[in-house]
């Protein structure tokens, strides 16, 4: 019988640097290129959620559950930590919880207090919009 021309199974060859990075995946930070801080980036909803820290808020999740309590902290992915929470299940049952962490991808709706209508963020947005309008007309 003739010898087989199939490739021999053995340890894979080491990947070149250009082959290691997968398409669409973020490049890992190195000592020379640290990852930038992302504390307040994001759109208006994320910034408004940051302004709501320390105030009572209600968050509705995609599955219909409601969480009402004081917003302790939120991040740019809309992950939220709350305290003194009243949880309302879809069937109406209520439960009190001391601390809750909610994943931002599951948040459908955030009800914020009216006092945030005078948040400094809105003044900055209005000034930026006014500057764009006056800059565009010139």
C-alpha atoms as a PDB file:
ATOM      1  CA  UNK A   1       0.000   0.000   0.000  1.00  0.00           C
ATOM      2  CA  UNK A   2       1.247   3.523  -0.758  1.00  0.00           C
ATOM      3  CA  UNK A   3       2.210   5.743   2.191  1.00  0.00           C
ATOM      4  CA  UNK A   4      -0.499   8.098   3.460  1.00  0.00           C
ATOM      5  CA  UNK A   5      -0.224  11.766   2.448  1.00  0.00           C
ATOM      6  CA  UNK A   6      -2.531  12.970   5.263  1.00  0.00           C
ATOM      7  CA  UNK A   7      -0.951  15.513   7.628  1.00  0.00           C
ATOM      8  CA  UNK A   8       0.508  14.071  10.812  1.00  0.00           C
ATOM      9  CA  UNK A   9      -1.371  14.850  14.018  1.00  0.00           C
ATOM     10  CA  UNK A  10       0.888  16.615  16.436  1.00  0.00           C
ATOM     11  CA  UNK A  11       1.061  19.709  18.587  1.00  0.00           C
ATOM     12  CA  UNK A  12      -0.331  22.792  16.874  1.00  0.00           C
ATOM     13  CA  UNK A  13       2.137  25.325  15.593  1.00  0.00           C
ATOM     14  CA  UNK A  14       2.367  28.468  17.730  1.00  0.00           C
ATOM     15  CA  UNK A  15       0.222  31.316  16.461  1.00  0.00           C
ATOM     16  CA  UNK A  16       1.791  34.454  15.139  1.00  0.00           C
ATOM     17  CA  UNK A  17       0.907  37.676  16.988  1.00  0.00           C
ATOM     18  CA  UNK A  18      -1.412  38.747  14.150  1.00  0.00           C
ATOM     19  CA  UNK A  19      -3.285  35.420  14.343  1.00  0.00           C
ATOM     20  CA  UNK A  20      -3.920  35.523  18.105  1.00  0.00           C
ATOM     21  CA  UNK A  21      -6.460  38.299  18.114  1.00  0.00           C
ATOM     22  CA  UNK A  22      -9.950  37.166  17.208  1.00  0.00           C
ATOM     23  CA  UNK A  23     -12.196  39.327  15.059  1.00  0.00           C
ATOM     24  CA  UNK A  24     -14.158  41.866  17.078  1.00  0.00           C
ATOM     25  CA  UNK A  25     -12.579  40.991  20.444  1.00  0.00           C
ATOM     26  CA  UNK A  26     -10.976  43.851  22.340  1.00  0.00           C
ATOM     27  CA  UNK A  27      -7.230  43.758  22.544  1.00  0.00           C
ATOM     28  CA  UNK A  28      -5.928  42.913  26.014  1.00  0.00           C
ATOM     29  CA  UNK A  29      -4.326  45.861  27.810  1.00  0.00           C
ATOM     30  CA  UNK A  30      -0.587  45.758  28.318  1.00  0.00           C
ATOM     31  CA  UNK A  31       1.720  47.663  30.616  1.00  0.00           C
ATOM     32  CA  UNK A  32       2.432  50.052  27.747  1.00  0.00           C
ATOM     33  CA  UNK A  33      -1.197  50.562  26.727  1.00  0.00           C
ATOM     34  CA  UNK A  34      -3.439  50.670  29.825  1.00  0.00           C
ATOM     35  CA  UNK A  35      -7.175  50.479  29.325  1.00  0.00           C
ATOM     36  CA  UNK A  36      -8.756  53.943  29.625  1.00  0.00           C
ATOM     37  CA  UNK A  37     -11.033  54.679  32.570  1.00  0.00           C
ATOM     38  CA  UNK A  38     -14.740  54.468  31.667  1.00  0.00           C
ATOM     39  CA  UNK A  39     -16.408  55.980  34.713  1.00  0.00           C
ATOM     40  CA  UNK A  40     -18.807  58.435  33.079  1.00  0.00           C
ATOM     41  CA  UNK A  41     -18.856  57.553  29.402  1.00  0.00           C
ATOM     42  CA  UNK A  42     -22.095  56.593  27.741  1.00  0.00           C
ATOM     43  CA  UNK A  43     -25.189  58.354  26.588  1.00  0.00           C
ATOM     44  CA  UNK A  44     -27.723  60.507  28.355  1.00  0.00           C
ATOM     45  CA  UNK A  45     -29.543  57.583  30.095  1.00  0.00           C
ATOM     46  CA  UNK A  46     -26.309  56.334  31.668  1.00  0.00           C
ATOM     47  CA  UNK A  47     -25.301  59.817  32.801  1.00  0.00           C
ATOM     48  CA  UNK A  48     -28.762  60.430  34.227  1.00  0.00           C
ATOM     49  CA  UNK A  49     -28.572  57.150  36.124  1.00  0.00           C
ATOM     50  CA  UNK A  50     -25.266  58.339  37.614  1.00  0.00           C
ATOM     51  CA  UNK A  51     -27.006  61.553  38.710  1.00  0.00           C
ATOM     52  CA  UNK A  52     -29.718  59.476  40.422  1.00  0.00           C
ATOM     53  CA  UNK A  53     -27.272  57.868  42.839  1.00  0.00           C
ATOM     54  CA  UNK A  54     -28.463  58.397  46.404  1.00  0.00           C
ATOM     55  CA  UNK A  55     -32.094  58.921  45.306  1.00  0.00           C
ATOM     56  CA  UNK A  56     -35.030  56.484  45.348  1.00  0.00           C
ATOM     57  CA  UNK A  57     -35.570  54.895  41.936  1.00  0.00           C
ATOM     58  CA  UNK A  58     -37.736  52.155  40.451  1.00  0.00           C
ATOM     59  CA  UNK A  59     -36.227  49.715  37.969  1.00  0.00           C
ATOM     60  CA  UNK A  60     -38.329  47.385  35.827  1.00  0.00           C
ATOM     61  CA  UNK A  61     -36.583  44.356  34.370  1.00  0.00           C
ATOM     62  CA  UNK A  62     -37.298  42.693  31.034  1.00  0.00           C
ATOM     63  CA  UNK A  63     -39.079  39.854  32.849  1.00  0.00           C
ATOM     64  CA  UNK A  64     -41.563  42.283  34.463  1.00  0.00           C
ATOM     65  CA  UNK A  65     -40.113  42.363  37.984  1.00  0.00           C
ATOM     66  CA  UNK A  66     -39.982  45.738  39.777  1.00  0.00           C
ATOM     67  CA  UNK A  67     -37.321  46.920  42.208  1.00  0.00           C
ATOM     68  CA  UNK A  68     -37.879  50.148  44.177  1.00  0.00           C
ATOM     69  CA  UNK A  69     -35.149  51.435  46.472  1.00  0.00           C
ATOM     70  CA  UNK A  70     -32.255  53.823  46.911  1.00  0.00           C
ATOM     71  CA  UNK A  71     -29.713  53.690  44.101  1.00  0.00           C
ATOM     72  CA  UNK A  72     -26.293  53.207  45.707  1.00  0.00           C
ATOM     73  CA  UNK A  73     -24.198  52.917  42.564  1.00  0.00           C
ATOM     74  CA  UNK A  74     -24.460  52.414  38.813  1.00  0.00           C
ATOM     75  CA  UNK A  75     -21.871  51.922  36.098  1.00  0.00           C
ATOM     76  CA  UNK A  76     -21.598  52.566  32.377  1.00  0.00           C
ATOM     77  CA  UNK A  77     -23.246  49.189  31.614  1.00  0.00           C
ATOM     78  CA  UNK A  78     -26.292  50.249  33.720  1.00  0.00           C
ATOM     79  CA  UNK A  79     -25.489  47.632  36.371  1.00  0.00           C
ATOM     80  CA  UNK A  80     -27.130  48.957  39.522  1.00  0.00           C
ATOM     81  CA  UNK A  81     -26.642  48.398  43.219  1.00  0.00           C
ATOM     82  CA  UNK A  82     -29.619  49.347  45.394  1.00  0.00           C
ATOM     83  CA  UNK A  83     -30.436  49.278  49.127  1.00  0.00           C
ATOM     84  CA  UNK A  84     -33.688  49.174  51.127  1.00  0.00           C
ATOM     85  CA  UNK A  85     -35.442  47.569  48.169  1.00  0.00           C
ATOM     86  CA  UNK A  86     -39.049  46.514  47.788  1.00  0.00           C
ATOM     87  CA  UNK A  87     -39.202  43.785  45.150  1.00  0.00           C
ATOM     88  CA  UNK A  88     -42.518  43.247  43.361  1.00  0.00           C
ATOM     89  CA  UNK A  89     -42.841  39.981  41.462  1.00  0.00           C
ATOM     90  CA  UNK A  90     -44.887  39.673  38.295  1.00  0.00           C
ATOM     91  CA  UNK A  91     -47.764  38.129  40.255  1.00  0.00           C
ATOM     92  CA  UNK A  92     -47.849  41.092  42.678  1.00  0.00           C
ATOM     93  CA  UNK A  93     -46.086  39.521  45.675  1.00  0.00           C
ATOM     94  CA  UNK A  94     -43.840  41.967  47.505  1.00  0.00           C
ATOM     95  CA  UNK A  95     -40.615  41.251  49.331  1.00  0.00           C
ATOM     96  CA  UNK A  96     -38.267  43.571  51.216  1.00  0.00           C
ATOM     97  CA  UNK A  97     -34.545  43.227  50.549  1.00  0.00           C
ATOM     98  CA  UNK A  98     -31.640  45.005  52.166  1.00  0.00           C
ATOM     99  CA  UNK A  99     -29.262  45.033  49.165  1.00  0.00           C
ATOM    100  CA  UNK A 100     -29.734  44.148  45.496  1.00  0.00           C
ATOM    101  CA  UNK A 101     -27.451  44.127  42.458  1.00  0.00           C
ATOM    102  CA  UNK A 102     -29.174  44.244  39.058  1.00  0.00           C
ATOM    103  CA  UNK A 103     -27.514  43.466  35.755  1.00  0.00           C
ATOM    104  CA  UNK A 104     -27.803  46.384  33.358  1.00  0.00           C
ATOM    105  CA  UNK A 105     -28.651  44.261  30.310  1.00  0.00           C
ATOM    106  CA  UNK A 106     -31.869  43.175  32.051  1.00  0.00           C
ATOM    107  CA  UNK A 107     -33.140  46.713  32.820  1.00  0.00           C
ATOM    108  CA  UNK A 108     -36.083  47.713  30.637  1.00  0.00           C
ATOM    109  CA  UNK A 109     -37.150  50.926  32.375  1.00  0.00           C
ATOM    110  CA  UNK A 110     -35.852  53.263  35.085  1.00  0.00           C
ATOM    111  CA  UNK A 111     -38.223  55.628  36.894  1.00  0.00           C
ATOM    112  CA  UNK A 112     -36.253  58.496  38.403  1.00  0.00           C
ATOM    113  CA  UNK A 113     -37.266  61.215  40.880  1.00  0.00           C
ATOM    114  CA  UNK A 114     -38.523  64.562  39.560  1.00  0.00           C
ATOM    115  CA  UNK A 115     -35.712  66.421  41.310  1.00  0.00           C
ATOM    116  CA  UNK A 116     -33.347  65.231  38.565  1.00  0.00           C
ATOM    117  CA  UNK A 117     -35.070  67.567  36.088  1.00  0.00           C
ATOM    118  CA  UNK A 118     -32.747  70.268  37.415  1.00  0.00           C
ATOM    119  CA  UNK A 119     -29.631  68.062  37.248  1.00  0.00           C
ATOM    120  CA  UNK A 120     -26.428  69.846  36.162  1.00  0.00           C
ATOM    121  CA  UNK A 121     -26.102  67.332  33.324  1.00  0.00           C
ATOM    122  CA  UNK A 122     -29.112  68.871  31.543  1.00  0.00           C
ATOM    123  CA  UNK A 123     -27.590  72.350  31.731  1.00  0.00           C
ATOM    124  CA  UNK A 124     -24.370  71.027  30.163  1.00  0.00           C
ATOM    125  CA  UNK A 125     -26.367  69.310  27.402  1.00  0.00           C
ATOM    126  CA  UNK A 126     -28.344  72.500  26.708  1.00  0.00           C
ATOM    127  CA  UNK A 127     -25.123  74.543  26.539  1.00  0.00           C
ATOM    128  CA  UNK A 128     -23.539  72.020  24.180  1.00  0.00           C
ATOM    129  CA  UNK A 129     -26.616  72.031  21.929  1.00  0.00           C
ATOM    130  CA  UNK A 130     -26.659  75.829  21.898  1.00  0.00           C
ATOM    131  CA  UNK A 131     -22.964  75.896  20.988  1.00  0.00           C
ATOM    132  CA  UNK A 132     -23.556  73.450  18.119  1.00  0.00           C
ATOM    133  CA  UNK A 133     -26.436  75.546  16.794  1.00  0.00           C
ATOM    134  CA  UNK A 134     -24.510  78.804  16.955  1.00  0.00           C
ATOM    135  CA  UNK A 135     -21.384  77.143  15.527  1.00  0.00           C
ATOM    136  CA  UNK A 136     -23.378  75.607  12.676  1.00  0.00           C
ATOM    137  CA  UNK A 137     -24.980  78.940  11.720  1.00  0.00           C
ATOM    138  CA  UNK A 138     -21.662  80.776  11.449  1.00  0.00           C
END
